[in-house]
């Protein structure tokens, strides 16, 4: 009787491993440290959503929409929220060339300091387009992990880049669903 119960439990455990995705193991293998810096790449309002999610997750972070390399002092992770807003760029006194240069300098300095990059794309399909895709293509390959709202990956751009560069990609249905993966990504 005990042997039958043991075999049944063992089979159920194996079945569960096959049926349920192993996303948590991927996240666990790529944990980030705190404090972390949240900044925008494209000056969309999504950077504010990322800070609200980080606050709800009770994470230790600093928000700087127009962060520069000097803002990396005492930072252990850089989180870049990808998505262009022309209105946001204008309000920040930036154009696409200046914004791309700012993010490039920031990401390069982070790499020099061995600060890992976490990319977020929270705006879904509405926050995609030619300008956003320029930033996604430029900076996503340098990330250690990406969290994207599924509707923003309909064309599988994130999937292709992540597969090519062996980057952990987590897709969520809605912005609010980003909370748990974000929380679990940090020690």
Protein backbone atom coordinates (compact mmCIF):
# COMPACT_ATOMS: atom_id res chain seq x y z
CA UNK A 1 0.00 0.00 0.00
CA UNK A 2 2.80 2.44 0.93
CA UNK A 3 4.67 1.54 -2.24
CA UNK A 4 1.57 2.26 -4.39
CA UNK A 5 1.06 5.62 -2.66
CA UNK A 6 4.71 6.51 -3.14
CA UNK A 7 4.62 5.65 -6.86
CA UNK A 8 1.38 7.59 -7.32
CA UNK A 9 2.85 10.68 -5.66
CA UNK A 10 6.03 10.37 -7.68
CA UNK A 11 4.06 10.14 -10.93
CA UNK A 12 1.96 13.18 -9.94
CA UNK A 13 5.12 15.15 -9.21
CA UNK A 14 6.63 14.21 -12.58
CA UNK A 15 3.36 15.04 -14.32
CA UNK A 16 3.32 18.48 -12.66
CA UNK A 17 6.88 19.18 -13.85
CA UNK A 18 5.92 18.36 -17.43
CA UNK A 19 2.61 20.22 -17.47
CA UNK A 20 3.50 23.46 -15.65
CA UNK A 21 5.98 25.91 -17.17
CA UNK A 22 9.34 26.39 -15.52
CA UNK A 23 9.32 30.22 -15.59
CA UNK A 24 10.07 30.50 -11.87
CA UNK A 25 13.30 28.53 -12.34
CA UNK A 26 14.36 30.93 -15.10
CA UNK A 27 13.64 33.93 -12.90
CA UNK A 28 15.41 32.34 -9.94
CA UNK A 29 18.55 31.85 -12.01
CA UNK A 30 18.67 35.53 -12.97
CA UNK A 31 17.95 37.36 -9.74
CA UNK A 32 18.75 41.04 -9.52
CA UNK A 33 19.98 42.98 -6.52
CA UNK A 34 18.66 46.12 -4.91
CA UNK A 35 18.69 49.08 -4.86
CA UNK A 36 17.85 49.55 -8.49
CA UNK A 37 17.38 52.51 -10.78
CA UNK A 38 14.26 52.81 -12.94
CA UNK A 39 14.54 55.04 -15.98
CA UNK A 40 12.73 55.55 -19.25
CA UNK A 41 13.93 54.85 -22.76
CA UNK A 42 11.55 56.98 -24.78
CA UNK A 43 9.98 59.08 -22.00
CA UNK A 44 6.61 57.33 -21.99
CA UNK A 45 4.36 57.45 -18.93
CA UNK A 46 5.02 53.71 -18.53
CA UNK A 47 8.06 54.56 -16.40
CA UNK A 48 5.62 55.84 -13.76
CA UNK A 49 3.72 52.54 -13.89
CA UNK A 50 6.98 50.67 -13.34
CA UNK A 51 7.69 52.73 -10.22
CA UNK A 52 4.17 52.08 -8.89
CA UNK A 53 4.67 48.34 -9.43
CA UNK A 54 8.08 48.45 -7.72
CA UNK A 55 6.58 50.32 -4.79
CA UNK A 56 3.73 47.79 -4.47
CA UNK A 57 6.32 45.01 -4.59
CA UNK A 58 8.12 46.77 -1.71
CA UNK A 59 11.36 46.98 -3.68
CA UNK A 60 14.20 49.42 -3.00
CA UNK A 61 14.45 51.64 -6.08
CA UNK A 62 15.11 55.15 -7.34
CA UNK A 63 13.10 56.65 -10.20
CA UNK A 64 14.89 59.01 -12.57
CA UNK A 65 13.14 59.46 -15.91
CA UNK A 66 16.22 61.03 -17.46
CA UNK A 67 18.95 59.16 -15.59
CA UNK A 68 22.58 59.64 -16.54
CA UNK A 69 25.66 57.55 -15.75
CA UNK A 70 26.27 59.51 -12.52
CA UNK A 71 22.92 58.20 -11.23
CA UNK A 72 24.39 54.67 -11.13
CA UNK A 73 26.28 55.41 -7.91
CA UNK A 74 25.38 52.71 -5.33
CA UNK A 75 22.97 51.07 -7.80
CA UNK A 76 23.01 47.29 -8.26
CA UNK A 77 20.50 46.91 -11.12
CA UNK A 78 19.38 49.17 -13.97
CA UNK A 79 15.74 48.86 -15.06
CA UNK A 80 14.90 50.51 -18.38
CA UNK A 81 11.26 50.99 -19.36
CA UNK A 82 11.09 50.85 -23.16
CA UNK A 83 8.50 52.87 -25.07
CA UNK A 84 8.54 56.16 -26.94
CA UNK A 85 6.19 59.05 -26.33
CA UNK A 86 6.81 62.10 -28.52
CA UNK A 87 4.93 64.21 -25.98
CA UNK A 88 7.13 62.85 -23.18
CA UNK A 89 10.30 63.47 -25.18
CA UNK A 90 9.24 67.05 -25.86
CA UNK A 91 8.38 67.67 -22.20
CA UNK A 92 11.84 66.38 -21.21
CA UNK A 93 13.49 68.62 -23.81
CA UNK A 94 14.78 65.62 -25.74
CA UNK A 95 14.53 64.28 -29.26
CA UNK A 96 15.07 60.67 -30.31
CA UNK A 97 18.77 61.15 -31.04
CA UNK A 98 19.43 62.70 -27.62
CA UNK A 99 17.32 60.06 -25.87
CA UNK A 100 19.09 57.19 -27.61
CA UNK A 101 22.47 58.74 -26.78
CA UNK A 102 21.46 59.21 -23.11
CA UNK A 103 20.35 55.59 -22.75
CA UNK A 104 23.40 54.34 -24.63
CA UNK A 105 25.75 56.18 -22.24
CA UNK A 106 23.78 54.92 -19.24
CA UNK A 107 23.71 51.28 -20.38
CA UNK A 108 27.40 51.36 -21.37
CA UNK A 109 28.38 52.70 -17.94
CA UNK A 110 26.19 50.09 -16.25
CA UNK A 111 27.98 47.36 -18.23
CA UNK A 112 31.39 48.78 -17.23
CA UNK A 113 30.29 48.59 -13.58
CA UNK A 114 28.81 45.08 -14.01
CA UNK A 115 25.33 46.39 -13.24
CA UNK A 116 22.80 44.08 -14.93
CA UNK A 117 20.03 45.44 -17.14
CA UNK A 118 16.36 44.59 -16.68
CA UNK A 119 14.09 45.79 -19.50
CA UNK A 120 10.36 46.36 -19.15
CA UNK A 121 7.81 47.01 -21.87
CA UNK A 122 4.51 47.79 -20.19
CA UNK A 123 2.63 49.77 -22.83
CA UNK A 124 1.48 46.84 -24.91
CA UNK A 125 0.73 47.21 -28.59
CA UNK A 126 -0.06 50.92 -28.18
CA UNK A 127 3.51 51.64 -27.08
CA UNK A 128 5.07 49.93 -30.10
CA UNK A 129 5.96 51.61 -33.36
CA UNK A 130 8.99 52.53 -35.41
CA UNK A 131 10.53 54.80 -32.76
CA UNK A 132 9.99 52.36 -29.89
CA UNK A 133 11.33 49.54 -32.04
CA UNK A 134 14.57 51.47 -32.61
CA UNK A 135 15.15 51.61 -28.84
CA UNK A 136 14.00 48.02 -28.30
CA UNK A 137 16.40 46.74 -30.96
CA UNK A 138 19.27 48.84 -29.61
CA UNK A 139 19.03 48.06 -25.89
CA UNK A 140 17.13 44.81 -25.43
CA UNK A 141 20.12 42.68 -26.55
CA UNK A 142 22.07 44.02 -23.55
CA UNK A 143 19.45 42.91 -21.00
CA UNK A 144 19.66 40.00 -18.62
CA UNK A 145 15.87 39.71 -18.41
CA UNK A 146 12.80 41.25 -20.03
CA UNK A 147 9.24 41.56 -18.78
CA UNK A 148 6.76 42.48 -21.51
CA UNK A 149 2.98 42.88 -21.67
CA UNK A 150 2.00 40.20 -24.18
CA UNK A 151 0.13 42.53 -26.58
CA UNK A 152 3.40 44.40 -27.10
CA UNK A 153 4.98 41.24 -28.46
CA UNK A 154 2.39 40.29 -31.10
CA UNK A 155 5.01 40.45 -33.83
CA UNK A 156 7.41 38.43 -31.64
CA UNK A 157 10.16 41.09 -31.81
CA UNK A 158 10.93 40.57 -28.12
CA UNK A 159 10.88 36.80 -28.56
CA UNK A 160 13.30 36.90 -31.51
CA UNK A 161 15.78 39.20 -29.78
CA UNK A 162 15.61 37.27 -26.51
CA UNK A 163 16.13 33.91 -28.22
CA UNK A 164 19.02 35.24 -30.28
CA UNK A 165 20.78 36.70 -27.22
CA UNK A 166 19.70 34.05 -24.67
CA UNK A 167 17.76 36.56 -22.56
CA UNK A 168 15.06 35.47 -20.13
CA UNK A 169 11.70 36.72 -21.45
CA UNK A 170 8.61 36.85 -19.26
CA UNK A 171 5.30 37.76 -20.89
CA UNK A 172 2.34 38.93 -18.83
CA UNK A 173 -1.26 39.49 -19.90
CA UNK A 174 -1.80 42.88 -18.24
CA UNK A 175 0.37 45.55 -16.65
CA UNK A 176 -0.80 44.58 -13.17
CA UNK A 177 0.45 41.03 -13.82
CA UNK A 178 3.99 42.44 -13.92
CA UNK A 179 3.99 42.81 -10.13
CA UNK A 180 4.87 39.21 -9.18
CA UNK A 181 7.58 38.59 -11.83
CA UNK A 182 9.13 41.95 -10.94
CA UNK A 183 9.07 41.16 -7.23
CA UNK A 184 10.48 37.66 -7.80
CA UNK A 185 13.29 38.96 -9.99
CA UNK A 186 14.92 40.70 -7.03
CA UNK A 187 16.70 39.24 -4.02
